[in-house]
PDB file of N, CA and C in Angstrom:
ATOM      1  N   MET A   1      23.401   9.994  42.239  1.00  0.00           N
ATOM      2  CA  MET A   1      23.714   8.675  42.731  1.00  0.00           C
ATOM      3  C   MET A   1      24.182   7.809  41.562  1.00  0.00           C
ATOM      4  N   LEU A   2      25.158   6.973  41.829  1.00  0.00           N
ATOM      5  CA  LEU A   2      25.614   5.975  40.862  1.00  0.00           C
ATOM      6  C   LEU A   2      24.949   4.661  41.239  1.00  0.00           C
ATOM      7  N   LEU A   3      24.289   4.032  40.285  1.00  0.00           N
ATOM      8  CA  LEU A   3      23.626   2.751  40.529  1.00  0.00           C
ATOM      9  C   LEU A   3      24.494   1.653  39.934  1.00  0.00           C
ATOM     10  N   LEU A   4      24.984   0.781  40.795  1.00  0.00           N
ATOM     11  CA  LEU A   4      25.869  -0.297  40.363  1.00  0.00           C
ATOM     12  C   LEU A   4      25.509  -1.557  41.127  1.00  0.00           C
ATOM     13  N   GLU A   5      25.042  -2.559  40.410  1.00  0.00           N
ATOM     14  CA  GLU A   5      24.706  -3.853  41.000  1.00  0.00           C
ATOM     15  C   GLU A   5      23.816  -3.720  42.239  1.00  0.00           C
ATOM     16  N   GLY A   6      22.784  -2.898  42.137  1.00  0.00           N
ATOM     17  CA  GLY A   6      21.831  -2.736  43.232  1.00  0.00           C
ATOM     18  C   GLY A   6      22.296  -1.795  44.333  1.00  0.00           C
ATOM     19  N   ARG A   7      23.471  -1.241  44.198  1.00  0.00           N
ATOM     20  CA  ARG A   7      23.981  -0.294  45.193  1.00  0.00           C
ATOM     21  C   ARG A   7      23.711   1.129  44.722  1.00  0.00           C
ATOM     22  N   ARG A   8      23.437   2.023  45.651  1.00  0.00           N
ATOM     23  CA  ARG A   8      23.278   3.463  45.378  1.00  0.00           C
ATOM     24  C   ARG A   8      24.471   4.174  46.012  1.00  0.00           C
ATOM     25  N   LEU A   9      25.371   4.641  45.175  1.00  0.00           N
ATOM     26  CA  LEU A   9      26.616   5.233  45.648  1.00  0.00           C
ATOM     27  C   LEU A   9      26.616   6.743  45.404  1.00  0.00           C
ATOM     28  N   PRO A  10      27.129   7.527  46.364  1.00  0.00           N
ATOM     29  CA  PRO A  10      27.110   8.984  46.210  1.00  0.00           C
ATOM     30  C   PRO A  10      28.067   9.473  45.136  1.00  0.00           C
ATOM     31  N   VAL A  11      27.616  10.510  44.431  1.00  0.00           N
ATOM     32  CA  VAL A  11      28.404  11.147  43.373  1.00  0.00           C
ATOM     33  C   VAL A  11      28.481  12.632  43.708  1.00  0.00           C
ATOM     34  N   GLY A  12      29.649  13.237  43.533  1.00  0.00           N
ATOM     35  CA  GLY A  12      29.811  14.660  43.795  1.00  0.00           C
ATOM     36  C   GLY A  12      29.140  15.506  42.731  1.00  0.00           C
ATOM     37  N   SER A  13      29.054  16.803  42.964  1.00  0.00           N
ATOM     38  CA  SER A  13      28.411  17.709  42.012  1.00  0.00           C
ATOM     39  C   SER A  13      29.145  17.758  40.675  1.00  0.00           C
ATOM     40  N   ASP A  14      30.416  17.336  40.669  1.00  0.00           N
ATOM     41  CA  ASP A  14      31.191  17.290  39.421  1.00  0.00           C
ATOM     42  C   ASP A  14      31.062  15.954  38.699  1.00  0.00           C
ATOM     43  N   GLY A  15      30.268  15.032  39.265  1.00  0.00           N
ATOM     44  CA  GLY A  15      30.051  13.736  38.643  1.00  0.00           C
ATOM     45  C   GLY A  15      31.057  12.673  39.040  1.00  0.00           C
ATOM     46  N   ALA A  16      31.979  13.018  39.926  1.00  0.00           N
ATOM     47  CA  ALA A  16      33.015  12.066  40.336  1.00  0.00           C
ATOM     48  C   ALA A  16      32.625  11.340  41.622  1.00  0.00           C
ATOM     49  N   VAL A  17      33.013  10.082  41.702  1.00  0.00           N
ATOM     50  CA  VAL A  17      32.854   9.308  42.927  1.00  0.00           C
ATOM     51  C   VAL A  17      34.168   9.429  43.689  1.00  0.00           C
ATOM     52  N   THR A  18      34.118  10.056  44.847  1.00  0.00           N
ATOM     53  CA  THR A  18      35.345  10.261  45.632  1.00  0.00           C
ATOM     54  C   THR A  18      35.237   9.716  47.054  1.00  0.00           C
ATOM     55  N   ASP A  19      34.030   9.372  47.476  1.00  0.00           N
ATOM     56  CA  ASP A  19      33.829   8.853  48.821  1.00  0.00           C
ATOM     57  C   ASP A  19      34.583   7.527  48.974  1.00  0.00           C
ATOM     58  N   PRO A  20      35.472   7.421  49.970  1.00  0.00           N
ATOM     59  CA  PRO A  20      36.258   6.191  50.128  1.00  0.00           C
ATOM     60  C   PRO A  20      35.413   4.925  50.273  1.00  0.00           C
ATOM     61  N   ALA A  21      34.307   5.007  50.995  1.00  0.00           N
ATOM     62  CA  ALA A  21      33.441   3.826  51.164  1.00  0.00           C
ATOM     63  C   ALA A  21      32.807   3.431  49.831  1.00  0.00           C
ATOM     64  N   ALA A  22      32.388   4.427  49.037  1.00  0.00           N
ATOM     65  CA  ALA A  22      31.793   4.141  47.725  1.00  0.00           C
ATOM     66  C   ALA A  22      32.834   3.538  46.792  1.00  0.00           C
ATOM     67  N   LEU A  23      34.049   4.079  46.815  1.00  0.00           N
ATOM     68  CA  LEU A  23      35.115   3.526  45.973  1.00  0.00           C
ATOM     69  C   LEU A  23      35.435   2.083  46.365  1.00  0.00           C
ATOM     70  N   ALA A  24      35.391   1.796  47.664  1.00  0.00           N
ATOM     71  CA  ALA A  24      35.628   0.429  48.125  1.00  0.00           C
ATOM     72  C   ALA A  24      34.530  -0.508  47.634  1.00  0.00           C
ATOM     73  N   GLU A  25      33.279  -0.012  47.623  1.00  0.00           N
ATOM     74  CA  GLU A  25      32.173  -0.839  47.112  1.00  0.00           C
ATOM     75  C   GLU A  25      32.334  -1.109  45.623  1.00  0.00           C
ATOM     76  N   ILE A  26      32.768  -0.104  44.877  1.00  0.00           N
ATOM     77  CA  ILE A  26      33.003  -0.301  43.441  1.00  0.00           C
ATOM     78  C   ILE A  26      34.100  -1.334  43.238  1.00  0.00           C
ATOM     79  N   ALA A  27      35.182  -1.198  43.996  1.00  0.00           N
ATOM     80  CA  ALA A  27      36.307  -2.132  43.863  1.00  0.00           C
ATOM     81  C   ALA A  27      35.910  -3.558  44.231  1.00  0.00           C
ATOM     82  N   ALA A  28      34.914  -3.710  45.122  1.00  0.00           N
ATOM     83  CA  ALA A  28      34.470  -5.035  45.540  1.00  0.00           C
ATOM     84  C   ALA A  28      33.389  -5.617  44.622  1.00  0.00           C
ATOM     85  N   SER A  29      32.941  -4.860  43.643  1.00  0.00           N
ATOM     86  CA  SER A  29      31.842  -5.322  42.786  1.00  0.00           C
ATOM     87  C   SER A  29      32.324  -6.342  41.757  1.00  0.00           C
ATOM     88  N   SER A  30      31.398  -7.180  41.321  1.00  0.00           N
ATOM     89  CA  SER A  30      31.738  -8.153  40.286  1.00  0.00           C
ATOM     90  C   SER A  30      31.990  -7.448  38.948  1.00  0.00           C
ATOM     91  N   ALA A  31      31.329  -6.318  38.712  1.00  0.00           N
ATOM     92  CA  ALA A  31      31.560  -5.565  37.471  1.00  0.00           C
ATOM     93  C   ALA A  31      33.010  -5.074  37.404  1.00  0.00           C
ATOM     94  N   PHE A  32      33.538  -4.625  38.537  1.00  0.00           N
ATOM     95  CA  PHE A  32      34.930  -4.170  38.580  1.00  0.00           C
ATOM     96  C   PHE A  32      35.877  -5.339  38.353  1.00  0.00           C
ATOM     97  N   ALA A  33      35.574  -6.466  38.994  1.00  0.00           N
ATOM     98  CA  ALA A  33      36.411  -7.659  38.824  1.00  0.00           C
ATOM     99  C   ALA A  33      36.400  -8.123  37.366  1.00  0.00           C
ATOM    100  N   ASP A  34      35.214  -8.107  36.736  1.00  0.00           N
ATOM    101  CA  ASP A  34      35.115  -8.500  35.330  1.00  0.00           C
ATOM    102  C   ASP A  34      35.916  -7.549  34.436  1.00  0.00           C
ATOM    103  N   ALA A  35      35.856  -6.256  34.722  1.00  0.00           N
ATOM    104  CA  ALA A  35      36.589  -5.272  33.923  1.00  0.00           C
ATOM    105  C   ALA A  35      38.099  -5.467  34.072  1.00  0.00           C
ATOM    106  N   ARG A  36      38.524  -5.817  35.259  1.00  0.00           N
ATOM    107  CA  ARG A  36      39.963  -6.029  35.478  1.00  0.00           C
ATOM    108  C   ARG A  36      40.463  -7.269  34.749  1.00  0.00           C
ATOM    109  N   ARG A  37      39.602  -8.291  34.640  1.00  0.00           N
ATOM    110  CA  ARG A  37      39.995  -9.524  33.955  1.00  0.00           C
ATOM    111  C   ARG A  37      39.996  -9.367  32.441  1.00  0.00           C
ATOM    112  N   GLY A  38      39.114  -8.522  31.919  1.00  0.00           N
ATOM    113  CA  GLY A  38      38.971  -8.368  30.474  1.00  0.00           C
ATOM    114  C   GLY A  38      39.853  -7.268  29.924  1.00  0.00           C
ATOM    115  N   SER A  39      39.690  -7.050  28.637  1.00  0.00           N
ATOM    116  CA  SER A  39      40.484  -6.020  27.976  1.00  0.00           C
ATOM    117  C   SER A  39      39.833  -4.640  28.078  1.00  0.00           C
ATOM    118  N   SER A  40      38.588  -4.581  28.542  1.00  0.00           N
ATOM    119  CA  SER A  40      37.874  -3.310  28.646  1.00  0.00           C
ATOM    120  C   SER A  40      37.935  -2.787  30.070  1.00  0.00           C
ATOM    121  N   ALA A  41      38.107  -1.495  30.187  1.00  0.00           N
ATOM    122  CA  ALA A  41      38.114  -0.873  31.511  1.00  0.00           C
ATOM    123  C   ALA A  41      36.770  -0.215  31.791  1.00  0.00           C
ATOM    124  N   THR A  42      35.737  -0.637  31.075  1.00  0.00           N
ATOM    125  CA  THR A  42      34.409  -0.051  31.217  1.00  0.00           C
ATOM    126  C   THR A  42      33.569  -0.866  32.195  1.00  0.00           C
ATOM    127  N   ILE A  43      32.882  -0.154  33.069  1.00  0.00           N
ATOM    128  CA  ILE A  43      31.959  -0.777  34.008  1.00  0.00           C
ATOM    129  C   ILE A  43      30.572  -0.229  33.711  1.00  0.00           C
ATOM    130  N   ALA A  44      29.610  -1.109  33.514  1.00  0.00           N
ATOM    131  CA  ALA A  44      28.236  -0.682  33.232  1.00  0.00           C
ATOM    132  C   ALA A  44      27.569  -0.241  34.532  1.00  0.00           C
ATOM    133  N   ALA A  45      27.069   0.989  34.532  1.00  0.00           N
ATOM    134  CA  ALA A  45      26.351   1.541  35.676  1.00  0.00           C
ATOM    135  C   ALA A  45      25.374   2.573  35.137  1.00  0.00           C
ATOM    136  N   SER A  46      24.514   3.062  35.986  1.00  0.00           N
ATOM    137  CA  SER A  46      23.604   4.127  35.582  1.00  0.00           C
ATOM    138  C   SER A  46      23.558   5.164  36.699  1.00  0.00           C
ATOM    139  N   SER A  47      22.867   6.252  36.440  1.00  0.00           N
ATOM    140  CA  SER A  47      22.779   7.305  37.444  1.00  0.00           C
ATOM    141  C   SER A  47      21.320   7.607  37.758  1.00  0.00           C
ATOM    142  N   ALA A  48      21.107   8.188  38.933  1.00  0.00           N
ATOM    143  CA  ALA A  48      19.772   8.570  39.370  1.00  0.00           C
ATOM    144  C   ALA A  48      19.898   9.774  40.291  1.00  0.00           C
ATOM    145  N   LEU A  49      18.833  10.533  40.397  1.00  0.00           N
ATOM    146  CA  LEU A  49      18.825  11.650  41.331  1.00  0.00           C
ATOM    147  C   LEU A  49      18.812  11.111  42.758  1.00  0.00           C
ATOM    148  N   ALA A  50      19.504  11.782  43.645  1.00  0.00           N
ATOM    149  CA  ALA A  50      19.487  11.383  45.055  1.00  0.00           C
ATOM    150  C   ALA A  50      18.083  11.538  45.623  1.00  0.00           C
ATOM    151  N   GLU A  51      17.392  12.602  45.225  1.00  0.00           N
ATOM    152  CA  GLU A  51      16.005  12.827  45.617  1.00  0.00           C
ATOM    153  C   GLU A  51      15.189  13.014  44.344  1.00  0.00           C
ATOM    154  N   PRO A  52      14.399  12.017  43.961  1.00  0.00           N
ATOM    155  CA  PRO A  52      13.622  12.124  42.722  1.00  0.00           C
ATOM    156  C   PRO A  52      12.679  13.328  42.733  1.00  0.00           C
ATOM    157  N   ILE A  53      12.430  13.882  41.568  1.00  0.00           N
ATOM    158  CA  ILE A  53      11.478  14.978  41.401  1.00  0.00           C
ATOM    159  C   ILE A  53      10.448  14.563  40.360  1.00  0.00           C
ATOM    160  N   THR A  54       9.278  15.178  40.438  1.00  0.00           N
ATOM    161  CA  THR A  54       8.231  14.910  39.457  1.00  0.00           C
ATOM    162  C   THR A  54       8.359  15.925  38.332  1.00  0.00           C
ATOM    163  N   VAL A  55       8.462  15.432  37.115  1.00  0.00           N
ATOM    164  CA  VAL A  55       8.510  16.313  35.950  1.00  0.00           C
ATOM    165  C   VAL A  55       7.344  15.990  35.032  1.00  0.00           C
ATOM    166  N   SER A  56       6.974  16.981  34.246  1.00  0.00           N
ATOM    167  CA  SER A  56       5.927  16.827  33.243  1.00  0.00           C
ATOM    168  C   SER A  56       6.539  17.087  31.880  1.00  0.00           C
ATOM    169  N   VAL A  57       5.933  16.528  30.850  1.00  0.00           N
ATOM    170  CA  VAL A  57       6.407  16.717  29.491  1.00  0.00           C
ATOM    171  C   VAL A  57       5.434  17.639  28.769  1.00  0.00           C
ATOM    172  N   VAL A  58       5.980  18.708  28.174  1.00  0.00           N
ATOM    173  CA  VAL A  58       5.169  19.632  27.384  1.00  0.00           C
ATOM    174  C   VAL A  58       5.868  19.873  26.056  1.00  0.00           C
ATOM    175  N   PRO A  59       5.115  20.257  25.017  1.00  0.00           N
ATOM    176  CA  PRO A  59       5.766  20.614  23.753  1.00  0.00           C
ATOM    177  C   PRO A  59       6.568  21.905  23.939  1.00  0.00           C
ATOM    178  N   PRO A  60       7.737  22.033  23.323  1.00  0.00           N
ATOM    179  CA  PRO A  60       8.527  23.256  23.462  1.00  0.00           C
ATOM    180  C   PRO A  60       7.746  24.512  23.072  1.00  0.00           C
ATOM    181  N   GLY A  61       6.824  24.399  22.097  1.00  0.00           N
ATOM    182  CA  GLY A  61       6.035  25.551  21.667  1.00  0.00           C
ATOM    183  C   GLY A  61       5.053  26.047  22.706  1.00  0.00           C
ATOM    184  N   ALA A  62       4.811  25.272  23.751  1.00  0.00           N
ATOM    185  CA  ALA A  62       3.899  25.703  24.808  1.00  0.00           C
ATOM    186  C   ALA A  62       4.590  26.621  25.813  1.00  0.00           C
ATOM    187  N   LEU A  63       5.923  26.632  25.806  1.00  0.00           N
ATOM    188  CA  LEU A  63       6.681  27.468  26.749  1.00  0.00           C
ATOM    189  C   LEU A  63       6.763  28.902  26.231  1.00  0.00           C
ATOM    190  N   TYR A  64       6.665  29.862  27.136  1.00  0.00           N
ATOM    191  CA  TYR A  64       6.866  31.269  26.778  1.00  0.00           C
ATOM    192  C   TYR A  64       7.435  32.002  27.989  1.00  0.00           C
ATOM    193  N   GLY A  65       7.910  33.219  27.754  1.00  0.00           N
ATOM    194  CA  GLY A  65       8.481  34.009  28.846  1.00  0.00           C
ATOM    195  C   GLY A  65       9.713  33.358  29.444  1.00  0.00           C
ATOM    196  N   VAL A  66      10.431  32.594  28.644  1.00  0.00           N
ATOM    197  CA  VAL A  66      11.575  31.831  29.154  1.00  0.00           C
ATOM    198  C   VAL A  66      12.743  32.761  29.454  1.00  0.00           C
ATOM    199  N   GLN A  67      13.242  32.650  30.672  1.00  0.00           N
ATOM    200  CA  GLN A  67      14.439  33.358  31.112  1.00  0.00           C
ATOM    201  C   GLN A  67      15.277  32.357  31.884  1.00  0.00           C
ATOM    202  N   GLY A  68      16.361  31.914  31.257  1.00  0.00           N
ATOM    203  CA  GLY A  68      17.178  30.882  31.890  1.00  0.00           C
ATOM    204  C   GLY A  68      16.397  29.587  31.967  1.00  0.00           C
ATOM    205  N   ARG A  69      16.226  29.081  33.187  1.00  0.00           N
ATOM    206  CA  ARG A  69      15.497  27.826  33.397  1.00  0.00           C
ATOM    207  C   ARG A  69      14.050  28.054  33.813  1.00  0.00           C
ATOM    208  N   LYS A  70      13.611  29.292  33.856  1.00  0.00           N
ATOM    209  CA  LYS A  70      12.244  29.620  34.266  1.00  0.00           C
ATOM    210  C   LYS A  70      11.424  30.010  33.051  1.00  0.00           C
ATOM    211  N   GLY A  71      10.133  29.714  33.109  1.00  0.00           N
ATOM    212  CA  GLY A  71       9.225  30.076  32.037  1.00  0.00           C
ATOM    213  C   GLY A  71       7.800  29.806  32.472  1.00  0.00           C
ATOM    214  N   CYS A  72       6.871  29.846  31.522  1.00  0.00           N
ATOM    215  CA  CYS A  72       5.463  29.586  31.818  1.00  0.00           C
ATOM    216  C   CYS A  72       4.827  28.780  30.700  1.00  0.00           C
ATOM    217  N   VAL A  73       3.706  28.163  31.028  1.00  0.00           N
ATOM    218  CA  VAL A  73       2.798  27.561  30.059  1.00  0.00           C
ATOM    219  C   VAL A  73       1.401  28.054  30.416  1.00  0.00           C
ATOM    220  N   VAL A  74       0.475  27.918  29.480  1.00  0.00           N
ATOM    221  CA  VAL A  74      -0.911  28.313  29.711  1.00  0.00           C
ATOM    222  C   VAL A  74      -1.770  27.070  29.724  1.00  0.00           C
ATOM    223  N   ASN A  75      -2.671  27.022  30.691  1.00  0.00           N
ATOM    224  CA  ASN A  75      -3.711  25.990  30.684  1.00  0.00           C
ATOM    225  C   ASN A  75      -5.039  26.707  30.882  1.00  0.00           C
ATOM    226  N   GLY A  76      -6.105  25.988  31.123  1.00  0.00           N
ATOM    227  CA  GLY A  76      -7.422  26.593  31.258  1.00  0.00           C
ATOM    228  C   GLY A  76      -7.544  27.630  32.350  1.00  0.00           C
ATOM    229  N   SER A  77      -6.662  27.607  33.345  1.00  0.00           N
ATOM    230  CA  SER A  77      -6.770  28.558  34.450  1.00  0.00           C
ATOM    231  C   SER A  77      -5.786  29.716  34.348  1.00  0.00           C
ATOM    232  N   GLY A  78      -5.019  29.804  33.267  1.00  0.00           N
ATOM    233  CA  GLY A  78      -4.095  30.924  33.105  1.00  0.00           C
ATOM    234  C   GLY A  78      -2.649  30.481  33.025  1.00  0.00           C
ATOM    235  N   ALA A  79      -1.750  31.416  33.334  1.00  0.00           N
ATOM    236  CA  ALA A  79      -0.308  31.153  33.272  1.00  0.00           C
ATOM    237  C   ALA A  79       0.114  30.253  34.425  1.00  0.00           C
ATOM    238  N   ARG A  80       0.965  29.305  34.118  1.00  0.00           N
ATOM    239  CA  ARG A  80       1.521  28.412  35.140  1.00  0.00           C
ATOM    240  C   ARG A  80       3.042  28.479  35.056  1.00  0.00           C
ATOM    241  N   PRO A  81       3.709  28.987  36.101  1.00  0.00           N
ATOM    242  CA  PRO A  81       5.171  29.038  36.087  1.00  0.00           C
ATOM    243  C   PRO A  81       5.775  27.639  36.157  1.00  0.00           C
ATOM    244  N   VAL A  82       6.864  27.455  35.405  1.00  0.00           N
ATOM    245  CA  VAL A  82       7.562  26.172  35.392  1.00  0.00           C
ATOM    246  C   VAL A  82       9.065  26.393  35.493  1.00  0.00           C
ATOM    247  N   GLU A  83       9.739  25.363  35.953  1.00  0.00           N
ATOM    248  CA  GLU A  83      11.198  25.303  35.897  1.00  0.00           C
ATOM    249  C   GLU A  83      11.528  24.304  34.798  1.00  0.00           C
ATOM    250  N   ILE A  84      12.353  24.709  33.854  1.00  0.00           N
ATOM    251  CA  ILE A  84      12.711  23.830  32.744  1.00  0.00           C
ATOM    252  C   ILE A  84      13.855  22.932  33.214  1.00  0.00           C
ATOM    253  N   ILE A  85      13.618  21.634  33.196  1.00  0.00           N
ATOM    254  CA  ILE A  85      14.600  20.653  33.659  1.00  0.00           C
ATOM    255  C   ILE A  85      15.482  20.200  32.502  1.00  0.00           C
ATOM    256  N   GLY A  86      14.904  20.027  31.323  1.00  0.00           N
ATOM    257  CA  GLY A  86      15.674  19.582  30.162  1.00  0.00           C
ATOM    258  C   GLY A  86      14.765  19.397  28.970  1.00  0.00           C
ATOM    259  N   SER A  87      15.356  18.932  27.872  1.00  0.00           N
ATOM    260  CA  SER A  87      14.562  18.648  26.678  1.00  0.00           C
ATOM    261  C   SER A  87      15.248  17.570  25.867  1.00  0.00           C
ATOM    262  N   GLU A  88      14.440  16.874  25.085  1.00  0.00           N
ATOM    263  CA  GLU A  88      14.966  15.811  24.238  1.00  0.00           C
ATOM    264  C   GLU A  88      13.920  15.448  23.202  1.00  0.00           C
ATOM    265  N   LEU A  89      14.348  15.361  21.955  1.00  0.00           N
ATOM    266  CA  LEU A  89      13.507  14.893  20.849  1.00  0.00           C
ATOM    267  C   LEU A  89      12.147  15.585  20.802  1.00  0.00           C
ATOM    268  N   GLY A  90      12.141  16.915  20.857  1.00  0.00           N
ATOM    269  CA  GLY A  90      10.906  17.664  20.724  1.00  0.00           C
ATOM    270  C   GLY A  90      10.005  17.637  21.937  1.00  0.00           C
ATOM    271  N   GLN A  91      10.560  17.324  23.091  1.00  0.00           N
ATOM    272  CA  GLN A  91       9.805  17.325  24.338  1.00  0.00           C
ATOM    273  C   GLN A  91      10.566  18.171  25.352  1.00  0.00           C
ATOM    274  N   SER A  92       9.851  18.990  26.088  1.00  0.00           N
ATOM    275  CA  SER A  92      10.465  19.755  27.170  1.00  0.00           C
ATOM    276  C   SER A  92      10.014  19.152  28.495  1.00  0.00           C
ATOM    277  N   PHE A  93      10.969  18.928  29.375  1.00  0.00           N
ATOM    278  CA  PHE A  93      10.686  18.371  30.696  1.00  0.00           C
ATOM    279  C   PHE A  93      10.671  19.527  31.688  1.00  0.00           C
ATOM    280  N   VAL A  94       9.532  19.720  32.344  1.00  0.00           N
ATOM    281  CA  VAL A  94       9.364  20.853  33.248  1.00  0.00           C
ATOM    282  C   VAL A  94       8.842  20.394  34.597  1.00  0.00           C
ATOM    283  N   ARG A  95       9.111  21.227  35.586  1.00  0.00           N
ATOM    284  CA  ARG A  95       8.546  21.016  36.923  1.00  0.00           C
ATOM    285  C   ARG A  95       7.674  22.221  37.233  1.00  0.00           C
ATOM    286  N   PHE A  96       6.422  21.981  37.551  1.00  0.00           N
ATOM    287  CA  PHE A  96       5.512  23.065  37.894  1.00  0.00           C
ATOM    288  C   PHE A  96       5.882  23.586  39.271  1.00  0.00           C
ATOM    289  N   ARG A  97       6.039  24.904  39.373  1.00  0.00           N
ATOM    290  CA  ARG A  97       6.546  25.508  40.596  1.00  0.00           C
ATOM    291  C   ARG A  97       5.512  25.552  41.712  1.00  0.00           C
ATOM    292  N   ALA A  98       4.238  25.406  41.375  1.00  0.00           N
ATOM    293  CA  ALA A  98       3.201  25.414  42.415  1.00  0.00           C
ATOM    294  C   ALA A  98       2.036  24.555  41.947  1.00  0.00           C
ATOM    295  N   GLY A  99       1.490  23.792  42.867  1.00  0.00           N
ATOM    296  CA  GLY A  99       0.305  23.006  42.574  1.00  0.00           C
ATOM    297  C   GLY A  99       0.564  21.787  41.711  1.00  0.00           C
ATOM    298  N   GLU A 100      -0.502  21.107  41.411  1.00  0.00           N
ATOM    299  CA  GLU A 100      -0.437  19.910  40.588  1.00  0.00           C
ATOM    300  C   GLU A 100      -0.259  20.272  39.117  1.00  0.00           C
ATOM    301  N   PRO A 101       0.423  19.445  38.357  1.00  0.00           N
ATOM    302  CA  PRO A 101       0.531  19.699  36.913  1.00  0.00           C
ATOM    303  C   PRO A 101      -0.849  19.635  36.258  1.00  0.00           C
ATOM    304  N   PRO A 102      -1.093  20.492  35.269  1.00  0.00           N
ATOM    305  CA  PRO A 102      -2.389  20.452  34.581  1.00  0.00           C
ATOM    306  C   PRO A 102      -2.484  19.235  33.661  1.00  0.00           C
ATOM    307  N   SER A 103      -3.692  18.904  33.278  1.00  0.00           N
ATOM    308  CA  SER A 103      -3.876  17.762  32.374  1.00  0.00           C
ATOM    309  C   SER A 103      -3.529  18.118  30.935  1.00  0.00           C
ATOM    310  N   GLY A 104      -3.432  19.405  30.625  1.00  0.00           N
ATOM    311  CA  GLY A 104      -3.067  19.836  29.284  1.00  0.00           C
ATOM    312  C   GLY A 104      -2.581  21.272  29.298  1.00  0.00           C
ATOM    313  N   VAL A 105      -1.893  21.676  28.228  1.00  0.00           N
ATOM    314  CA  VAL A 105      -1.421  23.047  28.076  1.00  0.00           C
ATOM    315  C   VAL A 105      -1.754  23.530  26.674  1.00  0.00           C
ATOM    316  N   VAL A 106      -1.751  24.842  26.475  1.00  0.00           N
ATOM    317  CA  VAL A 106      -2.037  25.445  25.177  1.00  0.00           C
ATOM    318  C   VAL A 106      -0.741  25.501  24.373  1.00  0.00           C
ATOM    319  N   LEU A 107      -0.797  25.009  23.161  1.00  0.00           N
ATOM    320  CA  LEU A 107       0.360  25.044  22.273  1.00  0.00           C
ATOM    321  C   LEU A 107       0.407  26.400  21.576  1.00  0.00           C
ATOM    322  N   SER A 108       1.514  27.089  21.675  1.00  0.00           N
ATOM    323  CA  SER A 108       1.734  28.399  21.036  1.00  0.00           C
ATOM    324  C   SER A 108       0.603  29.380  21.333  1.00  0.00           C
ATOM    325  N   PRO A 109       0.415  29.755  22.595  1.00  0.00           N
ATOM    326  CA  PRO A 109      -0.669  30.690  22.922  1.00  0.00           C
ATOM    327  C   PRO A 109      -0.474  32.029  22.202  1.00  0.00           C
ATOM    328  N   GLU A 110      -1.574  32.575  21.618  1.00  0.00           N
ATOM    329  CA  GLU A 110      -1.484  33.820  20.841  1.00  0.00           C
ATOM    330  C   GLU A 110      -1.207  35.030  21.725  1.00  0.00           C
ATOM    331  N   ARG A 111      -1.973  35.205  22.777  1.00  0.00           N
ATOM    332  CA  ARG A 111      -1.793  36.329  23.703  1.00  0.00           C
ATOM    333  C   ARG A 111      -1.708  35.776  25.125  1.00  0.00           C
ATOM    334  N   PRO A 112      -0.566  35.217  25.478  1.00  0.00           N
ATOM    335  CA  PRO A 112      -0.466  34.598  26.806  1.00  0.00           C
ATOM    336  C   PRO A 112      -0.474  35.639  27.918  1.00  0.00           C
ATOM    337  N   PRO A 113      -1.012  35.271  29.075  1.00  0.00           N
ATOM    338  CA  PRO A 113      -0.967  36.179  30.216  1.00  0.00           C
ATOM    339  C   PRO A 113       0.477  36.371  30.678  1.00  0.00           C
ATOM    340  N   ALA A 114       0.693  37.385  31.486  1.00  0.00           N
ATOM    341  CA  ALA A 114       2.040  37.664  31.998  1.00  0.00           C
ATOM    342  C   ALA A 114       2.597  36.449  32.730  1.00  0.00           C
ATOM    343  N   CYS A 115       3.865  36.212  32.504  1.00  0.00           N
ATOM    344  CA  CYS A 115       4.555  35.091  33.156  1.00  0.00           C
ATOM    345  C   CYS A 115       5.281  35.645  34.371  1.00  0.00           C
ATOM    346  N   LYS A 116       4.931  35.159  35.547  1.00  0.00           N
ATOM    347  CA  LYS A 116       5.539  35.664  36.791  1.00  0.00           C
ATOM    348  C   LYS A 116       6.496  34.663  37.366  1.00  0.00           C
TER     349      LYS A 116
END
């Protein structure tokens, strides 16, 4: 979703806004009018997921058995499968594939259980 002046506008999987109604809303916005009057063709907007997801932050060293976007972490109850959403500045953003996220994970487990 493209967030512009309180509006939530649809964005395609390629990141482009092509919906005629959404383009009309952009053209009617004050940000668009300001950009047309000024020397800059930039419009300030932000993006958001159409359907928010809950992610947890873990240290990259806690991940193991990583294959593509899948991996595991260990907590007090054993291996927990995760989907890796992204990373930034020494933090990995993951979504736990089942159950509630644990309150903590083991950093660099020595002999981790099998990751399924």
